[in-house]
């Protein structure tokens, strides 16, 4: 199993590399797939709550990028 810090790093990179889409349904599917992939091997415990939060935060940032593309905003 990949170490927890490495899993967080890999998930953050994967979400940053994922191309934003204006189709919000497709964005949710893509985000969900990556969340499933990177959360699957994380045990459910108090120690992994921070890891889960950081991976979820990366997913939220991807969805925000997709929303900006959907609305046509170029704001970072």
C-alpha atoms as a PDB file:
ATOM      1  CA  UNK A   1       0.000   0.000   0.000  1.00  0.00           C
ATOM      2  CA  UNK A   2       1.180   3.508  -0.816  1.00  0.00           C
ATOM      3  CA  UNK A   3       2.053   5.670   2.170  1.00  0.00           C
ATOM      4  CA  UNK A   4      -0.571   8.207   3.216  1.00  0.00           C
ATOM      5  CA  UNK A   5       1.532  11.306   2.356  1.00  0.00           C
ATOM      6  CA  UNK A   6       2.307   9.799  -1.069  1.00  0.00           C
ATOM      7  CA  UNK A   7      -1.376   9.014  -1.645  1.00  0.00           C
ATOM      8  CA  UNK A   8      -2.300  12.629  -0.804  1.00  0.00           C
ATOM      9  CA  UNK A   9       0.400  13.945  -3.139  1.00  0.00           C
ATOM     10  CA  UNK A  10      -0.652  11.628  -5.972  1.00  0.00           C
ATOM     11  CA  UNK A  11      -4.318  12.578  -5.582  1.00  0.00           C
ATOM     12  CA  UNK A  12      -3.536  16.292  -5.592  1.00  0.00           C
ATOM     13  CA  UNK A  13      -1.449  15.875  -8.750  1.00  0.00           C
ATOM     14  CA  UNK A  14      -4.158  13.832 -10.439  1.00  0.00           C
ATOM     15  CA  UNK A  15      -6.813  16.473  -9.762  1.00  0.00           C
ATOM     16  CA  UNK A  16      -4.518  19.271 -10.960  1.00  0.00           C
ATOM     17  CA  UNK A  17      -3.788  17.394 -14.190  1.00  0.00           C
ATOM     18  CA  UNK A  18      -7.440  16.649 -14.872  1.00  0.00           C
ATOM     19  CA  UNK A  19      -8.694  18.953 -17.609  1.00  0.00           C
ATOM     20  CA  UNK A  20     -11.622  21.120 -16.504  1.00  0.00           C
ATOM     21  CA  UNK A  21     -14.833  20.640 -18.439  1.00  0.00           C
ATOM     22  CA  UNK A  22     -17.855  22.886 -18.879  1.00  0.00           C
ATOM     23  CA  UNK A  23     -20.099  19.805 -18.576  1.00  0.00           C
ATOM     24  CA  UNK A  24     -20.770  19.675 -14.830  1.00  0.00           C
ATOM     25  CA  UNK A  25     -22.178  16.129 -14.969  1.00  0.00           C
ATOM     26  CA  UNK A  26     -18.979  14.900 -16.563  1.00  0.00           C
ATOM     27  CA  UNK A  27     -16.943  16.877 -14.006  1.00  0.00           C
ATOM     28  CA  UNK A  28     -18.756  15.128 -11.153  1.00  0.00           C
ATOM     29  CA  UNK A  29     -18.170  11.710 -12.735  1.00  0.00           C
ATOM     30  CA  UNK A  30     -14.458  12.391 -13.225  1.00  0.00           C
ATOM     31  CA  UNK A  31     -14.107  13.750  -9.712  1.00  0.00           C
ATOM     32  CA  UNK A  32     -15.978  10.795  -8.239  1.00  0.00           C
ATOM     33  CA  UNK A  33     -13.781   8.284 -10.038  1.00  0.00           C
ATOM     34  CA  UNK A  34     -10.608   9.891  -8.739  1.00  0.00           C
ATOM     35  CA  UNK A  35     -12.036  10.165  -5.225  1.00  0.00           C
ATOM     36  CA  UNK A  36     -12.923   6.469  -5.286  1.00  0.00           C
ATOM     37  CA  UNK A  37      -9.481   5.569  -6.550  1.00  0.00           C
ATOM     38  CA  UNK A  38      -7.511   7.521  -3.958  1.00  0.00           C
ATOM     39  CA  UNK A  39      -9.791   6.880  -0.982  1.00  0.00           C
ATOM     40  CA  UNK A  40     -10.221   3.145  -1.604  1.00  0.00           C
ATOM     41  CA  UNK A  41      -7.094   2.030   0.232  1.00  0.00           C
ATOM     42  CA  UNK A  42      -7.280   4.579   3.041  1.00  0.00           C
ATOM     43  CA  UNK A  43      -8.466   2.927   6.230  1.00  0.00           C
ATOM     44  CA  UNK A  44     -11.293   4.633   8.076  1.00  0.00           C
ATOM     45  CA  UNK A  45      -9.675   5.975  11.228  1.00  0.00           C
ATOM     46  CA  UNK A  46      -9.004   9.194  13.067  1.00  0.00           C
ATOM     47  CA  UNK A  47      -5.476   9.249  11.661  1.00  0.00           C
ATOM     48  CA  UNK A  48      -6.645   9.322   8.056  1.00  0.00           C
ATOM     49  CA  UNK A  49      -9.255  12.048   8.491  1.00  0.00           C
ATOM     50  CA  UNK A  50      -6.739  14.717   7.504  1.00  0.00           C
ATOM     51  CA  UNK A  51      -5.735  12.746   4.415  1.00  0.00           C
ATOM     52  CA  UNK A  52      -9.369  12.326   3.408  1.00  0.00           C
ATOM     53  CA  UNK A  53      -9.980  16.049   3.928  1.00  0.00           C
ATOM     54  CA  UNK A  54      -7.009  17.036   1.757  1.00  0.00           C
ATOM     55  CA  UNK A  55      -8.031  14.684  -1.051  1.00  0.00           C
ATOM     56  CA  UNK A  56     -11.600  15.982  -0.872  1.00  0.00           C
ATOM     57  CA  UNK A  57     -10.258  19.544  -0.973  1.00  0.00           C
ATOM     58  CA  UNK A  58      -8.375  18.726  -4.198  1.00  0.00           C
ATOM     59  CA  UNK A  59     -11.633  17.390  -5.668  1.00  0.00           C
ATOM     60  CA  UNK A  60     -13.458  20.564  -4.623  1.00  0.00           C
ATOM     61  CA  UNK A  61     -10.816  22.705  -6.312  1.00  0.00           C
ATOM     62  CA  UNK A  62     -11.266  20.720  -9.534  1.00  0.00           C
ATOM     63  CA  UNK A  63     -15.048  21.231  -9.387  1.00  0.00           C
ATOM     64  CA  UNK A  64     -14.478  24.974  -8.847  1.00  0.00           C
ATOM     65  CA  UNK A  65     -12.272  25.085 -11.962  1.00  0.00           C
ATOM     66  CA  UNK A  66     -15.033  23.328 -13.903  1.00  0.00           C
ATOM     67  CA  UNK A  67     -17.647  25.782 -12.613  1.00  0.00           C
ATOM     68  CA  UNK A  68     -15.509  28.691 -13.789  1.00  0.00           C
ATOM     69  CA  UNK A  69     -15.207  27.079 -17.207  1.00  0.00           C
ATOM     70  CA  UNK A  70     -18.961  26.424 -17.232  1.00  0.00           C
ATOM     71  CA  UNK A  71     -19.744  30.090 -16.498  1.00  0.00           C
ATOM     72  CA  UNK A  72     -17.021  31.359 -18.838  1.00  0.00           C
ATOM     73  CA  UNK A  73     -15.069  33.083 -16.084  1.00  0.00           C
ATOM     74  CA  UNK A  74     -11.291  33.255 -16.439  1.00  0.00           C
ATOM     75  CA  UNK A  75     -10.729  34.193 -12.811  1.00  0.00           C
ATOM     76  CA  UNK A  76      -8.215  32.022 -10.998  1.00  0.00           C
END
